[in-house]
Amino acid sequence: MKRYSSFNDFWPHYVREHAKPSTRALHFAGTSLIFPLIYLGVTSSIYWFIAIPFIAYGLAWTGHFFIEKNRPATFQYPLWSLRGDFKMFAYMLRGKMPEEVNRCRELNREDS
């Protein structure tokens, strides 16, 4: 994997690694579940906090391993990947992710 020196450089790679809508849907589901799990952790049991990475990453990594058939960037860029998850989540909430995928594909063609 290419080494990235900034999140802005990493973002197009991150988007290309999430090219399939079903992978993005699993990420969206995992990220969406973080908020109710935090609530449960605060109001019910601390064990819900422990469940967060297993549930959120479990869904996301399912998309990588079985749909995209690639390796999650989390292993090499854990903080940028987390930031990318939330940025992608925001794009998806606004319905802007498909055009961002197309934009990043074009960037990749220009780099080739």
PDB file of N, CA and C in Angstrom:
ATOM      1  N   MET A   1       0.839  -1.180   0.000  1.00  0.00           N
ATOM      2  CA  MET A   1       0.000   0.000   0.000  1.00  0.00           C
ATOM      3  C   MET A   1       0.885   1.244   0.000  1.00  0.00           C
ATOM      4  N   LYS A   2       0.479   2.201  -0.781  1.00  0.00           N
ATOM      5  CA  LYS A   2       1.185   3.479  -0.842  1.00  0.00           C
ATOM      6  C   LYS A   2       1.139   4.158   0.527  1.00  0.00           C
ATOM      7  N   ARG A   3       2.214   4.862   0.879  1.00  0.00           N
ATOM      8  CA  ARG A   3       2.251   5.609   2.139  1.00  0.00           C
ATOM      9  C   ARG A   3       1.660   6.996   1.906  1.00  0.00           C
ATOM     10  N   TYR A   4       0.786   7.418   2.797  1.00  0.00           N
ATOM     11  CA  TYR A   4       0.140   8.726   2.689  1.00  0.00           C
ATOM     12  C   TYR A   4       0.644   9.626   3.802  1.00  0.00           C
ATOM     13  N   SER A   5       0.832  10.893   3.466  1.00  0.00           N
ATOM     14  CA  SER A   5       1.380  11.828   4.445  1.00  0.00           C
ATOM     15  C   SER A   5       0.322  12.764   5.026  1.00  0.00           C
ATOM     16  N   SER A   6      -0.896  12.699   4.478  1.00  0.00           N
ATOM     17  CA  SER A   6      -1.966  13.540   5.025  1.00  0.00           C
ATOM     18  C   SER A   6      -3.304  12.845   4.808  1.00  0.00           C
ATOM     19  N   PHE A   7      -4.286  13.232   5.597  1.00  0.00           N
ATOM     20  CA  PHE A   7      -5.615  12.664   5.433  1.00  0.00           C
ATOM     21  C   PHE A   7      -6.180  13.013   4.061  1.00  0.00           C
ATOM     22  N   ASN A   8      -5.930  14.224   3.584  1.00  0.00           N
ATOM     23  CA  ASN A   8      -6.441  14.625   2.271  1.00  0.00           C
ATOM     24  C   ASN A   8      -5.897  13.739   1.150  1.00  0.00           C
ATOM     25  N   ASP A   9      -4.647  13.301   1.278  1.00  0.00           N
ATOM     26  CA  ASP A   9      -4.082  12.366   0.305  1.00  0.00           C
ATOM     27  C   ASP A   9      -4.668  10.961   0.465  1.00  0.00           C
ATOM     28  N   PHE A  10      -4.953  10.594   1.701  1.00  0.00           N
ATOM     29  CA  PHE A  10      -5.486   9.272   2.024  1.00  0.00           C
ATOM     30  C   PHE A  10      -6.943   9.119   1.607  1.00  0.00           C
ATOM     31  N   TRP A  11      -7.729  10.179   1.702  1.00  0.00           N
ATOM     32  CA  TRP A  11      -9.170  10.117   1.462  1.00  0.00           C
ATOM     33  C   TRP A  11      -9.554   9.477   0.116  1.00  0.00           C
ATOM     34  N   PRO A  12      -8.961   9.858  -1.027  1.00  0.00           N
ATOM     35  CA  PRO A  12      -9.346   9.198  -2.282  1.00  0.00           C
ATOM     36  C   PRO A  12      -9.085   7.683  -2.258  1.00  0.00           C
ATOM     37  N   HIS A  13      -7.989   7.283  -1.628  1.00  0.00           N
ATOM     38  CA  HIS A  13      -7.708   5.851  -1.484  1.00  0.00           C
ATOM     39  C   HIS A  13      -8.810   5.196  -0.646  1.00  0.00           C
ATOM     40  N   TYR A  14      -9.149   5.821   0.454  1.00  0.00           N
ATOM     41  CA  TYR A  14     -10.193   5.304   1.337  1.00  0.00           C
ATOM     42  C   TYR A  14     -11.500   5.123   0.566  1.00  0.00           C
ATOM     43  N   VAL A  15     -11.871   6.121  -0.208  1.00  0.00           N
ATOM     44  CA  VAL A  15     -13.117   6.068  -0.978  1.00  0.00           C
ATOM     45  C   VAL A  15     -13.067   4.932  -1.998  1.00  0.00           C
ATOM     46  N   ARG A  16     -11.955   4.786  -2.697  1.00  0.00           N
ATOM     47  CA  ARG A  16     -11.833   3.714  -3.689  1.00  0.00           C
ATOM     48  C   ARG A  16     -11.924   2.333  -3.038  1.00  0.00           C
ATOM     49  N   GLU A  17     -11.481   2.214  -1.796  1.00  0.00           N
ATOM     50  CA  GLU A  17     -11.566   0.941  -1.076  1.00  0.00           C
ATOM     51  C   GLU A  17     -12.990   0.645  -0.619  1.00  0.00           C
ATOM     52  N   HIS A  18     -13.882   1.614  -0.781  1.00  0.00           N
ATOM     53  CA  HIS A  18     -15.301   1.475  -0.412  1.00  0.00           C
ATOM     54  C   HIS A  18     -16.171   1.745  -1.633  1.00  0.00           C
ATOM     55  N   ALA A  19     -15.762   1.224  -2.762  1.00  0.00           N
ATOM     56  CA  ALA A  19     -16.418   1.537  -4.035  1.00  0.00           C
ATOM     57  C   ALA A  19     -17.807   0.929  -4.161  1.00  0.00           C
ATOM     58  N   LYS A  20     -18.044  -0.198  -3.543  1.00  0.00           N
ATOM     59  CA  LYS A  20     -19.326  -0.885  -3.707  1.00  0.00           C
ATOM     60  C   LYS A  20     -20.346  -0.378  -2.686  1.00  0.00           C
ATOM     61  N   PRO A  21     -21.553  -0.078  -3.150  1.00  0.00           N
ATOM     62  CA  PRO A  21     -22.590   0.442  -2.247  1.00  0.00           C
ATOM     63  C   PRO A  21     -22.883  -0.469  -1.050  1.00  0.00           C
ATOM     64  N   SER A  22     -22.808  -1.785  -1.232  1.00  0.00           N
ATOM     65  CA  SER A  22     -23.095  -2.687  -0.112  1.00  0.00           C
ATOM     66  C   SER A  22     -22.030  -2.596   0.975  1.00  0.00           C
ATOM     67  N   THR A  23     -20.783  -2.360   0.588  1.00  0.00           N
ATOM     68  CA  THR A  23     -19.722  -2.157   1.582  1.00  0.00           C
ATOM     69  C   THR A  23     -19.986  -0.874   2.363  1.00  0.00           C
ATOM     70  N   ARG A  24     -20.338   0.174   1.646  1.00  0.00           N
ATOM     71  CA  ARG A  24     -20.639   1.449   2.320  1.00  0.00           C
ATOM     72  C   ARG A  24     -21.853   1.306   3.226  1.00  0.00           C
ATOM     73  N   ALA A  25     -22.832   0.516   2.817  1.00  0.00           N
ATOM     74  CA  ALA A  25     -24.026   0.310   3.651  1.00  0.00           C
ATOM     75  C   ALA A  25     -23.661  -0.383   4.964  1.00  0.00           C
ATOM     76  N   LEU A  26     -22.770  -1.367   4.901  1.00  0.00           N
ATOM     77  CA  LEU A  26     -22.326  -2.026   6.136  1.00  0.00           C
ATOM     78  C   LEU A  26     -21.570  -1.053   7.035  1.00  0.00           C
ATOM     79  N   HIS A  27     -20.732  -0.210   6.444  1.00  0.00           N
ATOM     80  CA  HIS A  27     -20.032   0.803   7.237  1.00  0.00           C
ATOM     81  C   HIS A  27     -21.034   1.771   7.871  1.00  0.00           C
ATOM     82  N   PHE A  28     -22.020   2.180   7.092  1.00  0.00           N
ATOM     83  CA  PHE A  28     -23.036   3.104   7.587  1.00  0.00           C
ATOM     84  C   PHE A  28     -23.794   2.488   8.765  1.00  0.00           C
ATOM     85  N   ALA A  29     -24.156   1.212   8.639  1.00  0.00           N
ATOM     86  CA  ALA A  29     -24.853   0.526   9.723  1.00  0.00           C
ATOM     87  C   ALA A  29     -23.980   0.465  10.978  1.00  0.00           C
ATOM     88  N   GLY A  30     -22.713   0.093  10.799  1.00  0.00           N
ATOM     89  CA  GLY A  30     -21.807   0.006  11.942  1.00  0.00           C
ATOM     90  C   GLY A  30     -21.612   1.347  12.619  1.00  0.00           C
ATOM     91  N   THR A  31     -21.419   2.395  11.836  1.00  0.00           N
ATOM     92  CA  THR A  31     -21.228   3.734  12.399  1.00  0.00           C
ATOM     93  C   THR A  31     -22.516   4.208  13.066  1.00  0.00           C
ATOM     94  N   SER A  32     -23.663   3.919  12.474  1.00  0.00           N
ATOM     95  CA  SER A  32     -24.942   4.313  13.059  1.00  0.00           C
ATOM     96  C   SER A  32     -25.166   3.666  14.421  1.00  0.00           C
ATOM     97  N   LEU A  33     -24.706   2.446  14.577  1.00  0.00           N
ATOM     98  CA  LEU A  33     -24.907   1.731  15.839  1.00  0.00           C
ATOM     99  C   LEU A  33     -24.026   2.246  16.969  1.00  0.00           C
ATOM    100  N   ILE A  34     -22.989   2.987  16.639  1.00  0.00           N
ATOM    101  CA  ILE A  34     -22.100   3.517  17.680  1.00  0.00           C
ATOM    102  C   ILE A  34     -22.885   4.388  18.663  1.00  0.00           C
ATOM    103  N   PHE A  35     -23.780   5.210  18.147  1.00  0.00           N
ATOM    104  CA  PHE A  35     -24.477   6.174  19.003  1.00  0.00           C
ATOM    105  C   PHE A  35     -25.422   5.511  20.006  1.00  0.00           C
ATOM    106  N   PRO A  36     -26.272   4.577  19.600  1.00  0.00           N
ATOM    107  CA  PRO A  36     -27.084   3.902  20.615  1.00  0.00           C
ATOM    108  C   PRO A  36     -26.253   3.053  21.576  1.00  0.00           C
ATOM    109  N   LEU A  37     -25.130   2.505  21.093  1.00  0.00           N
ATOM    110  CA  LEU A  37     -24.269   1.726  21.981  1.00  0.00           C
ATOM    111  C   LEU A  37     -23.619   2.606  23.041  1.00  0.00           C
ATOM    112  N   ILE A  38     -23.240   3.826  22.670  1.00  0.00           N
ATOM    113  CA  ILE A  38     -22.715   4.773  23.666  1.00  0.00           C
ATOM    114  C   ILE A  38     -23.786   5.083  24.699  1.00  0.00           C
ATOM    115  N   TYR A  39     -25.003   5.323  24.225  1.00  0.00           N
ATOM    116  CA  TYR A  39     -26.117   5.593  25.136  1.00  0.00           C
ATOM    117  C   TYR A  39     -26.307   4.438  26.111  1.00  0.00           C
ATOM    118  N   LEU A  40     -26.316   3.216  25.596  1.00  0.00           N
ATOM    119  CA  LEU A  40     -26.461   2.045  26.461  1.00  0.00           C
ATOM    120  C   LEU A  40     -25.293   1.922  27.433  1.00  0.00           C
ATOM    121  N   GLY A  41     -24.098   2.270  26.977  1.00  0.00           N
ATOM    122  CA  GLY A  41     -22.938   2.224  27.864  1.00  0.00           C
ATOM    123  C   GLY A  41     -23.059   3.203  29.015  1.00  0.00           C
ATOM    124  N   VAL A  42     -23.624   4.368  28.738  1.00  0.00           N
ATOM    125  CA  VAL A  42     -23.792   5.394  29.780  1.00  0.00           C
ATOM    126  C   VAL A  42     -24.951   5.044  30.711  1.00  0.00           C
ATOM    127  N   THR A  43     -26.039   4.534  30.171  1.00  0.00           N
ATOM    128  CA  THR A  43     -27.255   4.345  30.966  1.00  0.00           C
ATOM    129  C   THR A  43     -27.437   2.938  31.524  1.00  0.00           C
ATOM    130  N   SER A  44     -26.724   1.982  30.970  1.00  0.00           N
ATOM    131  CA  SER A  44     -27.014   0.594  31.329  1.00  0.00           C
ATOM    132  C   SER A  44     -25.795  -0.138  31.890  1.00  0.00           C
ATOM    133  N   SER A  45     -24.805  -0.349  31.036  1.00  0.00           N
ATOM    134  CA  SER A  45     -23.648  -1.152  31.438  1.00  0.00           C
ATOM    135  C   SER A  45     -22.426  -0.741  30.626  1.00  0.00           C
ATOM    136  N   ILE A  46     -21.310  -0.698  31.292  1.00  0.00           N
ATOM    137  CA  ILE A  46     -20.047  -0.351  30.631  1.00  0.00           C
ATOM    138  C   ILE A  46     -19.684  -1.364  29.542  1.00  0.00           C
ATOM    139  N   TYR A  47     -20.243  -2.549  29.615  1.00  0.00           N
ATOM    140  CA  TYR A  47     -19.934  -3.580  28.631  1.00  0.00           C
ATOM    141  C   TYR A  47     -20.374  -3.195  27.221  1.00  0.00           C
ATOM    142  N   TRP A  48     -21.339  -2.292  27.108  1.00  0.00           N
ATOM    143  CA  TRP A  48     -21.752  -1.822  25.783  1.00  0.00           C
ATOM    144  C   TRP A  48     -20.627  -1.057  25.101  1.00  0.00           C
ATOM    145  N   PHE A  49     -19.790  -0.361  25.885  1.00  0.00           N
ATOM    146  CA  PHE A  49     -18.638   0.334  25.300  1.00  0.00           C
ATOM    147  C   PHE A  49     -17.663  -0.674  24.693  1.00  0.00           C
ATOM    148  N   ILE A  50     -17.498  -1.789  25.363  1.00  0.00           N
ATOM    149  CA  ILE A  50     -16.612  -2.841  24.862  1.00  0.00           C
ATOM    150  C   ILE A  50     -17.148  -3.420  23.561  1.00  0.00           C
ATOM    151  N   ALA A  51     -18.463  -3.455  23.422  1.00  0.00           N
ATOM    152  CA  ALA A  51     -19.090  -4.026  22.225  1.00  0.00           C
ATOM    153  C   ALA A  51     -18.921  -3.142  20.990  1.00  0.00           C
ATOM    154  N   ILE A  52     -18.705  -1.848  21.178  1.00  0.00           N
ATOM    155  CA  ILE A  52     -18.671  -0.910  20.048  1.00  0.00           C
ATOM    156  C   ILE A  52     -17.694  -1.336  18.951  1.00  0.00           C
ATOM    157  N   PRO A  53     -16.404  -1.540  19.250  1.00  0.00           N
ATOM    158  CA  PRO A  53     -15.503  -1.884  18.141  1.00  0.00           C
ATOM    159  C   PRO A  53     -15.832  -3.227  17.486  1.00  0.00           C
ATOM    160  N   PHE A  54     -16.332  -4.173  18.260  1.00  0.00           N
ATOM    161  CA  PHE A  54     -16.669  -5.476  17.679  1.00  0.00           C
ATOM    162  C   PHE A  54     -17.848  -5.373  16.718  1.00  0.00           C
ATOM    163  N   ILE A  55     -18.835  -4.597  17.096  1.00  0.00           N
ATOM    164  CA  ILE A  55     -20.013  -4.456  16.242  1.00  0.00           C
ATOM    165  C   ILE A  55     -19.705  -3.567  15.040  1.00  0.00           C
ATOM    166  N   ALA A  56     -19.164  -2.385  15.300  1.00  0.00           N
ATOM    167  CA  ALA A  56     -18.906  -1.431  14.213  1.00  0.00           C
ATOM    168  C   ALA A  56     -17.872  -1.983  13.224  1.00  0.00           C
ATOM    169  N   TYR A  57     -16.737  -2.441  13.736  1.00  0.00           N
ATOM    170  CA  TYR A  57     -15.714  -2.975  12.839  1.00  0.00           C
ATOM    171  C   TYR A  57     -16.126  -4.317  12.258  1.00  0.00           C
ATOM    172  N   GLY A  58     -16.880  -5.093  13.007  1.00  0.00           N
ATOM    173  CA  GLY A  58     -17.351  -6.373  12.484  1.00  0.00           C
ATOM    174  C   GLY A  58     -18.166  -6.192  11.212  1.00  0.00           C
ATOM    175  N   LEU A  59     -19.074  -5.230  11.229  1.00  0.00           N
ATOM    176  CA  LEU A  59     -19.865  -4.947  10.033  1.00  0.00           C
ATOM    177  C   LEU A  59     -18.991  -4.400   8.908  1.00  0.00           C
ATOM    178  N   ALA A  60     -18.138  -3.450   9.241  1.00  0.00           N
ATOM    179  CA  ALA A  60     -17.281  -2.839   8.216  1.00  0.00           C
ATOM    180  C   ALA A  60     -16.337  -3.861   7.592  1.00  0.00           C
ATOM    181  N   TRP A  61     -15.699  -4.664   8.412  1.00  0.00           N
ATOM    182  CA  TRP A  61     -14.740  -5.632   7.893  1.00  0.00           C
ATOM    183  C   TRP A  61     -15.419  -6.735   7.102  1.00  0.00           C
ATOM    184  N   THR A  62     -16.665  -7.047   7.410  1.00  0.00           N
ATOM    185  CA  THR A  62     -17.421  -8.000   6.594  1.00  0.00           C
ATOM    186  C   THR A  62     -17.484  -7.496   5.158  1.00  0.00           C
ATOM    187  N   GLY A  63     -17.739  -6.200   5.010  1.00  0.00           N
ATOM    188  CA  GLY A  63     -17.767  -5.607   3.670  1.00  0.00           C
ATOM    189  C   GLY A  63     -16.435  -5.706   2.960  1.00  0.00           C
ATOM    190  N   HIS A  64     -15.366  -5.479   3.672  1.00  0.00           N
ATOM    191  CA  HIS A  64     -14.041  -5.542   3.050  1.00  0.00           C
ATOM    192  C   HIS A  64     -13.675  -6.965   2.644  1.00  0.00           C
ATOM    193  N   PHE A  65     -13.832  -7.893   3.560  1.00  0.00           N
ATOM    194  CA  PHE A  65     -13.372  -9.252   3.297  1.00  0.00           C
ATOM    195  C   PHE A  65     -14.256 -10.006   2.316  1.00  0.00           C
ATOM    196  N   PHE A  66     -15.575  -9.781   2.353  1.00  0.00           N
ATOM    197  CA  PHE A  66     -16.485 -10.601   1.552  1.00  0.00           C
ATOM    198  C   PHE A  66     -17.085  -9.878   0.343  1.00  0.00           C
ATOM    199  N   ILE A  67     -17.101  -8.556   0.356  1.00  0.00           N
ATOM    200  CA  ILE A  67     -17.690  -7.817  -0.768  1.00  0.00           C
ATOM    201  C   ILE A  67     -16.599  -7.154  -1.609  1.00  0.00           C
ATOM    202  N   GLU A  68     -15.810  -6.287  -0.993  1.00  0.00           N
ATOM    203  CA  GLU A  68     -14.737  -5.610  -1.737  1.00  0.00           C
ATOM    204  C   GLU A  68     -13.560  -6.534  -2.004  1.00  0.00           C
ATOM    205  N   LYS A  69     -13.380  -7.506  -1.109  1.00  0.00           N
ATOM    206  CA  LYS A  69     -12.245  -8.430  -1.175  1.00  0.00           C
ATOM    207  C   LYS A  69     -10.918  -7.672  -1.109  1.00  0.00           C
ATOM    208  N   ASN A  70     -10.863  -6.750  -0.142  1.00  0.00           N
ATOM    209  CA  ASN A  70      -9.636  -6.000   0.101  1.00  0.00           C
ATOM    210  C   ASN A  70      -9.356  -5.970   1.597  1.00  0.00           C
ATOM    211  N   ARG A  71      -8.237  -5.417   1.945  1.00  0.00           N
ATOM    212  CA  ARG A  71      -7.797  -5.354   3.350  1.00  0.00           C
ATOM    213  C   ARG A  71      -8.180  -3.995   3.916  1.00  0.00           C
ATOM    214  N   PRO A  72      -8.868  -3.956   5.059  1.00  0.00           N
ATOM    215  CA  PRO A  72      -9.244  -2.667   5.635  1.00  0.00           C
ATOM    216  C   PRO A  72      -8.024  -1.785   5.904  1.00  0.00           C
ATOM    217  N   ALA A  73      -8.156  -0.517   5.587  1.00  0.00           N
ATOM    218  CA  ALA A  73      -7.067   0.443   5.828  1.00  0.00           C
ATOM    219  C   ALA A  73      -6.822   0.661   7.315  1.00  0.00           C
ATOM    220  N   THR A  74      -7.734   0.182   8.141  1.00  0.00           N
ATOM    221  CA  THR A  74      -7.606   0.321   9.596  1.00  0.00           C
ATOM    222  C   THR A  74      -6.281  -0.233  10.100  1.00  0.00           C
ATOM    223  N   PHE A  75      -5.801  -1.286   9.451  1.00  0.00           N
ATOM    224  CA  PHE A  75      -4.576  -1.928   9.921  1.00  0.00           C
ATOM    225  C   PHE A  75      -3.361  -1.032   9.747  1.00  0.00           C
ATOM    226  N   GLN A  76      -3.348  -0.220   8.696  1.00  0.00           N
ATOM    227  CA  GLN A  76      -2.189   0.630   8.447  1.00  0.00           C
ATOM    228  C   GLN A  76      -2.432   2.088   8.849  1.00  0.00           C
ATOM    229  N   TYR A  77      -3.671   2.530   8.769  1.00  0.00           N
ATOM    230  CA  TYR A  77      -4.023   3.928   9.070  1.00  0.00           C
ATOM    231  C   TYR A  77      -5.232   3.964   9.995  1.00  0.00           C
ATOM    232  N   PRO A  78      -5.085   3.539  11.247  1.00  0.00           N
ATOM    233  CA  PRO A  78      -6.263   3.415  12.116  1.00  0.00           C
ATOM    234  C   PRO A  78      -7.003   4.729  12.370  1.00  0.00           C
ATOM    235  N   LEU A  79      -6.310   5.801  12.641  1.00  0.00           N
ATOM    236  CA  LEU A  79      -6.997   7.062  12.944  1.00  0.00           C
ATOM    237  C   LEU A  79      -7.590   7.699  11.697  1.00  0.00           C
ATOM    238  N   TRP A  80      -6.861   7.655  10.598  1.00  0.00           N
ATOM    239  CA  TRP A  80      -7.396   8.206   9.350  1.00  0.00           C
ATOM    240  C   TRP A  80      -8.579   7.374   8.860  1.00  0.00           C
ATOM    241  N   SER A  81      -8.548   6.073   9.089  1.00  0.00           N
ATOM    242  CA  SER A  81      -9.670   5.222   8.706  1.00  0.00           C
ATOM    243  C   SER A  81     -10.913   5.568   9.519  1.00  0.00           C
ATOM    244  N   LEU A  82     -10.719   5.775  10.806  1.00  0.00           N
ATOM    245  CA  LEU A  82     -11.842   6.173  11.654  1.00  0.00           C
ATOM    246  C   LEU A  82     -12.400   7.519  11.204  1.00  0.00           C
ATOM    247  N   ARG A  83     -11.515   8.451  10.935  1.00  0.00           N
ATOM    248  CA  ARG A  83     -11.941   9.753  10.412  1.00  0.00           C
ATOM    249  C   ARG A  83     -12.654   9.582   9.073  1.00  0.00           C
ATOM    250  N   GLY A  84     -12.130   8.705   8.227  1.00  0.00           N
ATOM    251  CA  GLY A  84     -12.762   8.417   6.940  1.00  0.00           C
ATOM    252  C   GLY A  84     -14.150   7.819   7.108  1.00  0.00           C
ATOM    253  N   ASP A  85     -14.310   6.938   8.103  1.00  0.00           N
ATOM    254  CA  ASP A  85     -15.626   6.353   8.371  1.00  0.00           C
ATOM    255  C   ASP A  85     -16.654   7.443   8.668  1.00  0.00           C
ATOM    256  N   PHE A  86     -16.266   8.383   9.526  1.00  0.00           N
ATOM    257  CA  PHE A  86     -17.203   9.446   9.891  1.00  0.00           C
ATOM    258  C   PHE A  86     -17.439  10.428   8.740  1.00  0.00           C
ATOM    259  N   LYS A  87     -16.406  10.676   7.953  1.00  0.00           N
ATOM    260  CA  LYS A  87     -16.589  11.551   6.784  1.00  0.00           C
ATOM    261  C   LYS A  87     -17.507  10.871   5.775  1.00  0.00           C
ATOM    262  N   MET A  88     -17.289   9.580   5.526  1.00  0.00           N
ATOM    263  CA  MET A  88     -18.139   8.851   4.601  1.00  0.00           C
ATOM    264  C   MET A  88     -19.575   8.805   5.134  1.00  0.00           C
ATOM    265  N   PHE A  89     -19.739   8.610   6.421  1.00  0.00           N
ATOM    266  CA  PHE A  89     -21.056   8.605   7.054  1.00  0.00           C
ATOM    267  C   PHE A  89     -21.781   9.928   6.774  1.00  0.00           C
ATOM    268  N   ALA A  90     -21.065  11.041   6.934  1.00  0.00           N
ATOM    269  CA  ALA A  90     -21.659  12.361   6.682  1.00  0.00           C
ATOM    270  C   ALA A  90     -22.043  12.520   5.206  1.00  0.00           C
ATOM    271  N   TYR A  91     -21.179  12.089   4.307  1.00  0.00           N
ATOM    272  CA  TYR A  91     -21.488  12.153   2.877  1.00  0.00           C
ATOM    273  C   TYR A  91     -22.736  11.309   2.568  1.00  0.00           C
ATOM    274  N   MET A  92     -22.822  10.136   3.186  1.00  0.00           N
ATOM    275  CA  MET A  92     -23.956   9.266   2.932  1.00  0.00           C
ATOM    276  C   MET A  92     -25.251   9.868   3.484  1.00  0.00           C
ATOM    277  N   LEU A  93     -25.187  10.491   4.635  1.00  0.00           N
ATOM    278  CA  LEU A  93     -26.375  11.148   5.190  1.00  0.00           C
ATOM    279  C   LEU A  93     -26.914  12.215   4.243  1.00  0.00           C
ATOM    280  N   ARG A  94     -25.998  12.892   3.558  1.00  0.00           N
ATOM    281  CA  ARG A  94     -26.390  13.962   2.629  1.00  0.00           C
ATOM    282  C   ARG A  94     -26.642  13.444   1.208  1.00  0.00           C
ATOM    283  N   GLY A  95     -26.459  12.131   0.994  1.00  0.00           N
ATOM    284  CA  GLY A  95     -26.670  11.561  -0.337  1.00  0.00           C
ATOM    285  C   GLY A  95     -25.590  11.927  -1.332  1.00  0.00           C
ATOM    286  N   LYS A  96     -24.411  12.295  -0.845  1.00  0.00           N
ATOM    287  CA  LYS A  96     -23.321  12.765  -1.711  1.00  0.00           C
ATOM    288  C   LYS A  96     -22.235  11.722  -1.983  1.00  0.00           C
ATOM    289  N   MET A  97     -22.351  10.539  -1.390  1.00  0.00           N
ATOM    290  CA  MET A  97     -21.258   9.573  -1.518  1.00  0.00           C
ATOM    291  C   MET A  97     -21.080   9.034  -2.938  1.00  0.00           C
ATOM    292  N   PRO A  98     -22.143   8.745  -3.691  1.00  0.00           N
ATOM    293  CA  PRO A  98     -21.901   8.243  -5.066  1.00  0.00           C
ATOM    294  C   PRO A  98     -21.089   9.214  -5.916  1.00  0.00           C
ATOM    295  N   GLU A  99     -21.360  10.507  -5.813  1.00  0.00           N
ATOM    296  CA  GLU A  99     -20.569  11.448  -6.616  1.00  0.00           C
ATOM    297  C   GLU A  99     -19.145  11.581  -6.086  1.00  0.00           C
ATOM    298  N   GLU A 100     -18.941  11.364  -4.786  1.00  0.00           N
ATOM    299  CA  GLU A 100     -17.577  11.382  -4.239  1.00  0.00           C
ATOM    300  C   GLU A 100     -16.799  10.168  -4.733  1.00  0.00           C
ATOM    301  N   VAL A 101     -17.460   9.016  -4.834  1.00  0.00           N
ATOM    302  CA  VAL A 101     -16.814   7.814  -5.382  1.00  0.00           C
ATOM    303  C   VAL A 101     -16.376   8.082  -6.820  1.00  0.00           C
ATOM    304  N   ASN A 102     -17.247   8.677  -7.611  1.00  0.00           N
ATOM    305  CA  ASN A 102     -16.904   8.998  -9.007  1.00  0.00           C
ATOM    306  C   ASN A 102     -15.752   9.994  -9.079  1.00  0.00           C
ATOM    307  N   ARG A 103     -15.766  10.990  -8.212  1.00  0.00           N
ATOM    308  CA  ARG A 103     -14.688  11.994  -8.194  1.00  0.00           C
ATOM    309  C   ARG A 103     -13.349  11.325  -7.879  1.00  0.00           C
ATOM    310  N   CYS A 104     -13.346  10.436  -6.905  1.00  0.00           N
ATOM    311  CA  CYS A 104     -12.096   9.768  -6.514  1.00  0.00           C
ATOM    312  C   CYS A 104     -11.628   8.774  -7.567  1.00  0.00           C
ATOM    313  N   ARG A 105     -12.557   8.157  -8.289  1.00  0.00           N
ATOM    314  CA  ARG A 105     -12.162   7.297  -9.414  1.00  0.00           C
ATOM    315  C   ARG A 105     -11.461   8.117 -10.486  1.00  0.00           C
ATOM    316  N   GLU A 106     -11.995   9.293 -10.760  1.00  0.00           N
ATOM    317  CA  GLU A 106     -11.372  10.186 -11.752  1.00  0.00           C
ATOM    318  C   GLU A 106      -9.969  10.598 -11.303  1.00  0.00           C
ATOM    319  N   LEU A 107      -9.800  10.886 -10.019  1.00  0.00           N
ATOM    320  CA  LEU A 107      -8.473  11.227  -9.500  1.00  0.00           C
ATOM    321  C   LEU A 107      -7.504  10.082  -9.735  1.00  0.00           C
ATOM    322  N   ASN A 108      -7.975   8.862  -9.527  1.00  0.00           N
ATOM    323  CA  ASN A 108      -7.139   7.684  -9.730  1.00  0.00           C
ATOM    324  C   ASN A 108      -6.726   7.558 -11.185  1.00  0.00           C
ATOM    325  N   ARG A 109      -7.634   7.833 -12.115  1.00  0.00           N
ATOM    326  CA  ARG A 109      -7.305   7.773 -13.546  1.00  0.00           C
ATOM    327  C   ARG A 109      -6.264   8.822 -13.902  1.00  0.00           C
ATOM    328  N   GLU A 110      -6.386   9.998 -13.303  1.00  0.00           N
ATOM    329  CA  GLU A 110      -5.424  11.071 -13.566  1.00  0.00           C
ATOM    330  C   GLU A 110      -4.049  10.721 -13.039  1.00  0.00           C
ATOM    331  N   ASP A 111      -3.985   9.989 -11.917  1.00  0.00           N
ATOM    332  CA  ASP A 111      -2.708   9.594 -11.321  1.00  0.00           C
ATOM    333  C   ASP A 111      -2.029   8.478 -12.109  1.00  0.00           C
ATOM    334  N   SER A 112      -2.828   7.704 -12.852  1.00  0.00           N
ATOM    335  CA  SER A 112      -2.271   6.551 -13.584  1.00  0.00           C
ATOM    336  C   SER A 112      -1.489   6.966 -14.800  1.00  0.00           C
TER     337      SER A 112
END
